[in-house]
């Protein structure tokens, strides 16, 4: 589902994201509102900033996809 550019701009501004993080989020199919909802509160020190959260999730998914591709190539 495509989201309006205005929503992505709002998420970029509120979450302090760069173009790279926005690209990663779009590639993973994330909703811009979900990025905004995951902004850590001062009472939630365990939560990573949205920028780190998106990057970590992207790296995990890329590693998982690479493992799956390696398994398929062995068969």
PDB file of N, CA and C in Angstrom:
ATOM      1  N   UNK A   1       0.841  -1.172   0.000  1.00  0.00           N
ATOM      2  CA  UNK A   1       0.000   0.000   0.000  1.00  0.00           C
ATOM      3  C   UNK A   1       0.890   1.240   0.000  1.00  0.00           C
ATOM      4  N   UNK A   2       0.591   2.161  -0.850  1.00  0.00           N
ATOM      5  CA  UNK A   2       1.371   3.395  -0.933  1.00  0.00           C
ATOM      6  C   UNK A   2       0.778   4.434   0.021  1.00  0.00           C
ATOM      7  N   UNK A   3       1.656   5.090   0.731  1.00  0.00           N
ATOM      8  CA  UNK A   3       1.228   6.123   1.657  1.00  0.00           C
ATOM      9  C   UNK A   3       1.574   7.486   1.070  1.00  0.00           C
ATOM     10  N   UNK A   4       0.830   8.476   1.452  1.00  0.00           N
ATOM     11  CA  UNK A   4       1.019   9.824   0.923  1.00  0.00           C
ATOM     12  C   UNK A   4       2.407  10.353   1.294  1.00  0.00           C
ATOM     13  N   UNK A   5       3.015  11.095   0.379  1.00  0.00           N
ATOM     14  CA  UNK A   5       4.336  11.679   0.673  1.00  0.00           C
ATOM     15  C   UNK A   5       4.326  12.580   1.910  1.00  0.00           C
ATOM     16  N   UNK A   6       3.181  13.201   2.178  1.00  0.00           N
ATOM     17  CA  UNK A   6       3.098  14.081   3.351  1.00  0.00           C
ATOM     18  C   UNK A   6       3.282  13.285   4.641  1.00  0.00           C
ATOM     19  N   UNK A   7       2.747  12.053   4.668  1.00  0.00           N
ATOM     20  CA  UNK A   7       2.909  11.210   5.857  1.00  0.00           C
ATOM     21  C   UNK A   7       4.369  10.824   6.049  1.00  0.00           C
ATOM     22  N   UNK A   8       5.052  10.517   4.943  1.00  0.00           N
ATOM     23  CA  UNK A   8       6.469  10.161   5.040  1.00  0.00           C
ATOM     24  C   UNK A   8       7.296  11.362   5.487  1.00  0.00           C
ATOM     25  N   UNK A   9       6.961  12.543   4.992  1.00  0.00           N
ATOM     26  CA  UNK A   9       7.683  13.750   5.403  1.00  0.00           C
ATOM     27  C   UNK A   9       7.482  14.021   6.890  1.00  0.00           C
ATOM     28  N   UNK A  10       6.255  13.809   7.363  1.00  0.00           N
ATOM     29  CA  UNK A  10       5.972  14.004   8.792  1.00  0.00           C
ATOM     30  C   UNK A  10       6.770  13.015   9.629  1.00  0.00           C
ATOM     31  N   UNK A  11       6.805  11.759   9.205  1.00  0.00           N
ATOM     32  CA  UNK A  11       7.574  10.742   9.935  1.00  0.00           C
ATOM     33  C   UNK A  11       9.061  11.071   9.902  1.00  0.00           C
ATOM     34  N   UNK A  12       9.537  11.533   8.758  1.00  0.00           N
ATOM     35  CA  UNK A  12      10.955  11.893   8.623  1.00  0.00           C
ATOM     36  C   UNK A  12      11.326  13.009   9.588  1.00  0.00           C
ATOM     37  N   UNK A  13      10.449  13.993   9.692  1.00  0.00           N
ATOM     38  CA  UNK A  13      10.710  15.139  10.557  1.00  0.00           C
ATOM     39  C   UNK A  13      10.610  14.765  12.033  1.00  0.00           C
ATOM     40  N   UNK A  14       9.528  14.100  12.410  1.00  0.00           N
ATOM     41  CA  UNK A  14       9.306  13.775  13.823  1.00  0.00           C
ATOM     42  C   UNK A  14      10.291  12.742  14.346  1.00  0.00           C
ATOM     43  N   UNK A  15      10.679  11.787  13.505  1.00  0.00           N
ATOM     44  CA  UNK A  15      11.570  10.708  13.941  1.00  0.00           C
ATOM     45  C   UNK A  15      13.035  11.012  13.672  1.00  0.00           C
ATOM     46  N   UNK A  16      13.293  12.158  13.030  1.00  0.00           N
ATOM     47  CA  UNK A  16      14.662  12.567  12.689  1.00  0.00           C
ATOM     48  C   UNK A  16      15.347  11.510  11.829  1.00  0.00           C
ATOM     49  N   UNK A  17      14.680  11.117  10.761  1.00  0.00           N
ATOM     50  CA  UNK A  17      15.199  10.105   9.863  1.00  0.00           C
ATOM     51  C   UNK A  17      15.813  10.744   8.628  1.00  0.00           C
ATOM     52  N   UNK A  18      16.719  10.008   8.011  1.00  0.00           N
ATOM     53  CA  UNK A  18      17.305  10.448   6.759  1.00  0.00           C
ATOM     54  C   UNK A  18      16.647   9.721   5.603  1.00  0.00           C
ATOM     55  N   UNK A  19      17.068  10.053   4.403  1.00  0.00           N
ATOM     56  CA  UNK A  19      16.514   9.415   3.210  1.00  0.00           C
ATOM     57  C   UNK A  19      16.765   7.903   3.215  1.00  0.00           C
ATOM     58  N   UNK A  20      17.903   7.499   3.729  1.00  0.00           N
ATOM     59  CA  UNK A  20      18.253   6.071   3.761  1.00  0.00           C
ATOM     60  C   UNK A  20      17.303   5.283   4.664  1.00  0.00           C
ATOM     61  N   UNK A  21      16.996   5.828   5.833  1.00  0.00           N
ATOM     62  CA  UNK A  21      16.085   5.142   6.745  1.00  0.00           C
ATOM     63  C   UNK A  21      14.668   5.096   6.177  1.00  0.00           C
ATOM     64  N   UNK A  22      14.257   6.156   5.497  1.00  0.00           N
ATOM     65  CA  UNK A  22      12.931   6.176   4.872  1.00  0.00           C
ATOM     66  C   UNK A  22      12.869   5.111   3.784  1.00  0.00           C
ATOM     67  N   UNK A  23      13.945   4.997   2.994  1.00  0.00           N
ATOM     68  CA  UNK A  23      13.995   3.972   1.947  1.00  0.00           C
ATOM     69  C   UNK A  23      13.888   2.572   2.547  1.00  0.00           C
ATOM     70  N   UNK A  24      14.620   2.348   3.632  1.00  0.00           N
ATOM     71  CA  UNK A  24      14.582   1.041   4.300  1.00  0.00           C
ATOM     72  C   UNK A  24      13.179   0.738   4.808  1.00  0.00           C
ATOM     73  N   UNK A  25      12.547   1.724   5.426  1.00  0.00           N
ATOM     74  CA  UNK A  25      11.202   1.534   5.976  1.00  0.00           C
ATOM     75  C   UNK A  25      10.204   1.216   4.860  1.00  0.00           C
ATOM     76  N   UNK A  26      10.310   1.936   3.754  1.00  0.00           N
ATOM     77  CA  UNK A  26       9.417   1.681   2.630  1.00  0.00           C
ATOM     78  C   UNK A  26       9.664   0.297   2.052  1.00  0.00           C
ATOM     79  N   UNK A  27      10.919  -0.092   1.951  1.00  0.00           N
ATOM     80  CA  UNK A  27      11.269  -1.403   1.407  1.00  0.00           C
ATOM     81  C   UNK A  27      10.714  -2.534   2.270  1.00  0.00           C
ATOM     82  N   UNK A  28      10.680  -2.305   3.577  1.00  0.00           N
ATOM     83  CA  UNK A  28      10.149  -3.320   4.487  1.00  0.00           C
ATOM     84  C   UNK A  28       8.632  -3.263   4.587  1.00  0.00           C
ATOM     85  N   UNK A  29       8.032  -2.248   3.982  1.00  0.00           N
ATOM     86  CA  UNK A  29       6.579  -2.131   4.007  1.00  0.00           C
ATOM     87  C   UNK A  29       6.032  -1.543   5.286  1.00  0.00           C
ATOM     88  N   UNK A  30       6.845  -0.751   5.982  1.00  0.00           N
ATOM     89  CA  UNK A  30       6.379  -0.135   7.220  1.00  0.00           C
ATOM     90  C   UNK A  30       5.453   1.037   6.921  1.00  0.00           C
ATOM     91  N   UNK A  31       4.592   1.304   7.860  1.00  0.00           N
ATOM     92  CA  UNK A  31       3.643   2.398   7.791  1.00  0.00           C
ATOM     93  C   UNK A  31       4.295   3.621   8.433  1.00  0.00           C
ATOM     94  N   UNK A  32       4.210   4.810   7.821  1.00  0.00           N
ATOM     95  CA  UNK A  32       4.820   5.986   8.451  1.00  0.00           C
ATOM     96  C   UNK A  32       4.237   6.286   9.828  1.00  0.00           C
ATOM     97  N   UNK A  33       2.967   5.958  10.034  1.00  0.00           N
ATOM     98  CA  UNK A  33       2.368   6.187  11.358  1.00  0.00           C
ATOM     99  C   UNK A  33       2.977   5.255  12.402  1.00  0.00           C
ATOM    100  N   UNK A  34       3.376   4.047  11.997  1.00  0.00           N
ATOM    101  CA  UNK A  34       3.992   3.131  12.957  1.00  0.00           C
ATOM    102  C   UNK A  34       5.355   3.645  13.389  1.00  0.00           C
ATOM    103  N   UNK A  35       6.051   4.335  12.490  1.00  0.00           N
ATOM    104  CA  UNK A  35       7.335   4.927  12.865  1.00  0.00           C
ATOM    105  C   UNK A  35       7.128   6.006  13.922  1.00  0.00           C
ATOM    106  N   UNK A  36       6.117   6.830  13.713  1.00  0.00           N
ATOM    107  CA  UNK A  36       5.825   7.909  14.662  1.00  0.00           C
ATOM    108  C   UNK A  36       5.409   7.330  16.008  1.00  0.00           C
ATOM    109  N   UNK A  37       4.617   6.252  15.983  1.00  0.00           N
ATOM    110  CA  UNK A  37       4.167   5.646  17.243  1.00  0.00           C
ATOM    111  C   UNK A  37       5.316   5.028  18.026  1.00  0.00           C
ATOM    112  N   UNK A  38       6.421   4.690  17.363  1.00  0.00           N
ATOM    113  CA  UNK A  38       7.540   4.051  18.038  1.00  0.00           C
ATOM    114  C   UNK A  38       8.614   5.020  18.509  1.00  0.00           C
ATOM    115  N   UNK A  39       8.327   6.296  18.517  1.00  0.00           N
ATOM    116  CA  UNK A  39       9.261   7.270  19.072  1.00  0.00           C
ATOM    117  C   UNK A  39       9.321   7.024  20.584  1.00  0.00           C
ATOM    118  N   UNK A  40      10.531   6.795  21.124  1.00  0.00           N
ATOM    119  CA  UNK A  40      10.604   6.519  22.565  1.00  0.00           C
ATOM    120  C   UNK A  40      10.273   7.730  23.415  1.00  0.00           C
ATOM    121  N   UNK A  41       9.552   7.475  24.496  1.00  0.00           N
ATOM    122  CA  UNK A  41       9.197   8.492  25.468  1.00  0.00           C
ATOM    123  C   UNK A  41      10.328   8.576  26.499  1.00  0.00           C
ATOM    124  N   UNK A  42      10.390   9.634  27.252  1.00  0.00           N
ATOM    125  CA  UNK A  42      11.419   9.753  28.292  1.00  0.00           C
ATOM    126  C   UNK A  42      11.267   8.662  29.348  1.00  0.00           C
ATOM    127  N   UNK A  43      10.046   8.137  29.490  1.00  0.00           N
ATOM    128  CA  UNK A  43       9.800   7.080  30.468  1.00  0.00           C
ATOM    129  C   UNK A  43      10.144   5.701  29.903  1.00  0.00           C
ATOM    130  N   UNK A  44      10.594   5.646  28.666  1.00  0.00           N
ATOM    131  CA  UNK A  44      10.935   4.379  28.009  1.00  0.00           C
ATOM    132  C   UNK A  44      12.403   4.373  27.579  1.00  0.00           C
ATOM    133  N   UNK A  45      13.324   4.365  28.552  1.00  0.00           N
ATOM    134  CA  UNK A  45      14.748   4.441  28.203  1.00  0.00           C
ATOM    135  C   UNK A  45      15.273   3.182  27.491  1.00  0.00           C
ATOM    136  N   UNK A  46      14.538   2.087  27.552  1.00  0.00           N
ATOM    137  CA  UNK A  46      14.975   0.845  26.916  1.00  0.00           C
ATOM    138  C   UNK A  46      14.745   0.854  25.413  1.00  0.00           C
ATOM    139  N   UNK A  47      13.883   1.742  24.954  1.00  0.00           N
ATOM    140  CA  UNK A  47      13.572   1.807  23.530  1.00  0.00           C
ATOM    141  C   UNK A  47      14.678   2.517  22.765  1.00  0.00           C
ATOM    142  N   UNK A  48      15.047   1.928  21.638  1.00  0.00           N
ATOM    143  CA  UNK A  48      16.045   2.556  20.773  1.00  0.00           C
ATOM    144  C   UNK A  48      15.375   3.659  19.956  1.00  0.00           C
ATOM    145  N   UNK A  49      16.133   4.657  19.560  1.00  0.00           N
ATOM    146  CA  UNK A  49      15.562   5.669  18.667  1.00  0.00           C
ATOM    147  C   UNK A  49      15.064   5.014  17.376  1.00  0.00           C
ATOM    148  N   UNK A  50      14.110   5.629  16.732  1.00  0.00           N
ATOM    149  CA  UNK A  50      13.480   5.054  15.545  1.00  0.00           C
ATOM    150  C   UNK A  50      14.529   4.787  14.459  1.00  0.00           C
ATOM    151  N   UNK A  51      15.491   5.675  14.331  1.00  0.00           N
ATOM    152  CA  UNK A  51      16.543   5.525  13.321  1.00  0.00           C
ATOM    153  C   UNK A  51      17.285   4.201  13.525  1.00  0.00           C
ATOM    154  N   UNK A  52      17.685   3.912  14.756  1.00  0.00           N
ATOM    155  CA  UNK A  52      18.391   2.660  15.062  1.00  0.00           C
ATOM    156  C   UNK A  52      17.459   1.462  14.907  1.00  0.00           C
ATOM    157  N   UNK A  53      16.213   1.610  15.326  1.00  0.00           N
ATOM    158  CA  UNK A  53      15.231   0.529  15.241  1.00  0.00           C
ATOM    159  C   UNK A  53      15.034   0.091  13.795  1.00  0.00           C
ATOM    160  N   UNK A  54      14.887   1.055  12.895  1.00  0.00           N
ATOM    161  CA  UNK A  54      14.685   0.740  11.477  1.00  0.00           C
ATOM    162  C   UNK A  54      15.930   0.063  10.909  1.00  0.00           C
ATOM    163  N   UNK A  55      17.106   0.603  11.217  1.00  0.00           N
ATOM    164  CA  UNK A  55      18.350   0.021  10.700  1.00  0.00           C
ATOM    165  C   UNK A  55      18.555  -1.414  11.210  1.00  0.00           C
ATOM    166  N   UNK A  56      18.318  -1.640  12.508  1.00  0.00           N
ATOM    167  CA  UNK A  56      18.480  -2.985  13.073  1.00  0.00           C
ATOM    168  C   UNK A  56      17.517  -3.975  12.432  1.00  0.00           C
ATOM    169  N   UNK A  57      16.264  -3.557  12.279  1.00  0.00           N
ATOM    170  CA  UNK A  57      15.262  -4.439  11.684  1.00  0.00           C
ATOM    171  C   UNK A  57      15.621  -4.742  10.228  1.00  0.00           C
ATOM    172  N   UNK A  58      16.100  -3.748   9.508  1.00  0.00           N
ATOM    173  CA  UNK A  58      16.476  -3.933   8.112  1.00  0.00           C
ATOM    174  C   UNK A  58      17.634  -4.919   8.001  1.00  0.00           C
ATOM    175  N   UNK A  59      18.643  -4.746   8.853  1.00  0.00           N
ATOM    176  CA  UNK A  59      19.804  -5.654   8.841  1.00  0.00           C
ATOM    177  C   UNK A  59      19.384  -7.081   9.173  1.00  0.00           C
ATOM    178  N   UNK A  60      18.507  -7.241  10.153  1.00  0.00           N
ATOM    179  CA  UNK A  60      18.016  -8.571  10.512  1.00  0.00           C
ATOM    180  C   UNK A  60      17.291  -9.226   9.350  1.00  0.00           C
ATOM    181  N   UNK A  61      16.442  -8.473   8.677  1.00  0.00           N
ATOM    182  CA  UNK A  61      15.687  -9.025   7.548  1.00  0.00           C
ATOM    183  C   UNK A  61      16.598  -9.362   6.380  1.00  0.00           C
ATOM    184  N   UNK A  62      17.629  -8.527   6.148  1.00  0.00           N
ATOM    185  CA  UNK A  62      18.563  -8.808   5.064  1.00  0.00           C
ATOM    186  C   UNK A  62      19.362 -10.070   5.355  1.00  0.00           C
ATOM    187  N   UNK A  63      19.776 -10.248   6.619  1.00  0.00           N
ATOM    188  CA  UNK A  63      20.528 -11.439   7.003  1.00  0.00           C
ATOM    189  C   UNK A  63      19.651 -12.688   6.864  1.00  0.00           C
ATOM    190  N   UNK A  64      18.407 -12.573   7.269  1.00  0.00           N
ATOM    191  CA  UNK A  64      17.475 -13.695   7.160  1.00  0.00           C
ATOM    192  C   UNK A  64      17.249 -14.069   5.695  1.00  0.00           C
ATOM    193  N   UNK A  65      17.103 -13.071   4.839  1.00  0.00           N
ATOM    194  CA  UNK A  65      16.908 -13.321   3.412  1.00  0.00           C
ATOM    195  C   UNK A  65      18.148 -13.952   2.794  1.00  0.00           C
ATOM    196  N   UNK A  66      19.325 -13.541   3.228  1.00  0.00           N
ATOM    197  CA  UNK A  66      20.565 -14.112   2.709  1.00  0.00           C
ATOM    198  C   UNK A  66      20.696 -15.582   3.101  1.00  0.00           C
ATOM    199  N   UNK A  67      20.329 -15.915   4.353  1.00  0.00           N
ATOM    200  CA  UNK A  67      20.362 -17.305   4.798  1.00  0.00           C
ATOM    201  C   UNK A  67      19.404 -18.162   3.993  1.00  0.00           C
ATOM    202  N   UNK A  68      18.225 -17.628   3.735  1.00  0.00           N
ATOM    203  CA  UNK A  68      17.210 -18.362   2.978  1.00  0.00           C
ATOM    204  C   UNK A  68      17.692 -18.594   1.546  1.00  0.00           C
ATOM    205  N   UNK A  69      18.333 -17.589   0.946  1.00  0.00           N
ATOM    206  CA  UNK A  69      18.844 -17.724  -0.410  1.00  0.00           C
ATOM    207  C   UNK A  69      19.981 -18.752  -0.449  1.00  0.00           C
ATOM    208  N   UNK A  70      20.821 -18.756   0.588  1.00  0.00           N
ATOM    209  CA  UNK A  70      21.926 -19.711   0.640  1.00  0.00           C
ATOM    210  C   UNK A  70      21.394 -21.138   0.782  1.00  0.00           C
ATOM    211  N   UNK A  71      20.327 -21.316   1.569  1.00  0.00           N
ATOM    212  CA  UNK A  71      19.726 -22.637   1.730  1.00  0.00           C
ATOM    213  C   UNK A  71      19.127 -23.123   0.414  1.00  0.00           C
ATOM    214  N   UNK A  72      18.468 -22.199  -0.297  1.00  0.00           N
ATOM    215  CA  UNK A  72      17.834 -22.573  -1.561  1.00  0.00           C
ATOM    216  C   UNK A  72      18.885 -22.950  -2.604  1.00  0.00           C
ATOM    217  N   UNK A  73      20.034 -22.264  -2.601  1.00  0.00           N
ATOM    218  CA  UNK A  73      21.048 -22.557  -3.594  1.00  0.00           C
ATOM    219  C   UNK A  73      21.721 -23.906  -3.337  1.00  0.00           C
ATOM    220  N   UNK A  74      21.702 -24.375  -2.093  1.00  0.00           N
ATOM    221  CA  UNK A  74      22.290 -25.688  -1.779  1.00  0.00           C
ATOM    222  C   UNK A  74      21.432 -26.825  -2.293  1.00  0.00           C
ATOM    223  N   UNK A  75      20.134 -26.603  -2.405  1.00  0.00           N
ATOM    224  CA  UNK A  75      19.231 -27.658  -2.854  1.00  0.00           C
ATOM    225  C   UNK A  75      19.287 -27.840  -4.309  1.00  0.00           C
TER     226      UNK A  75
END
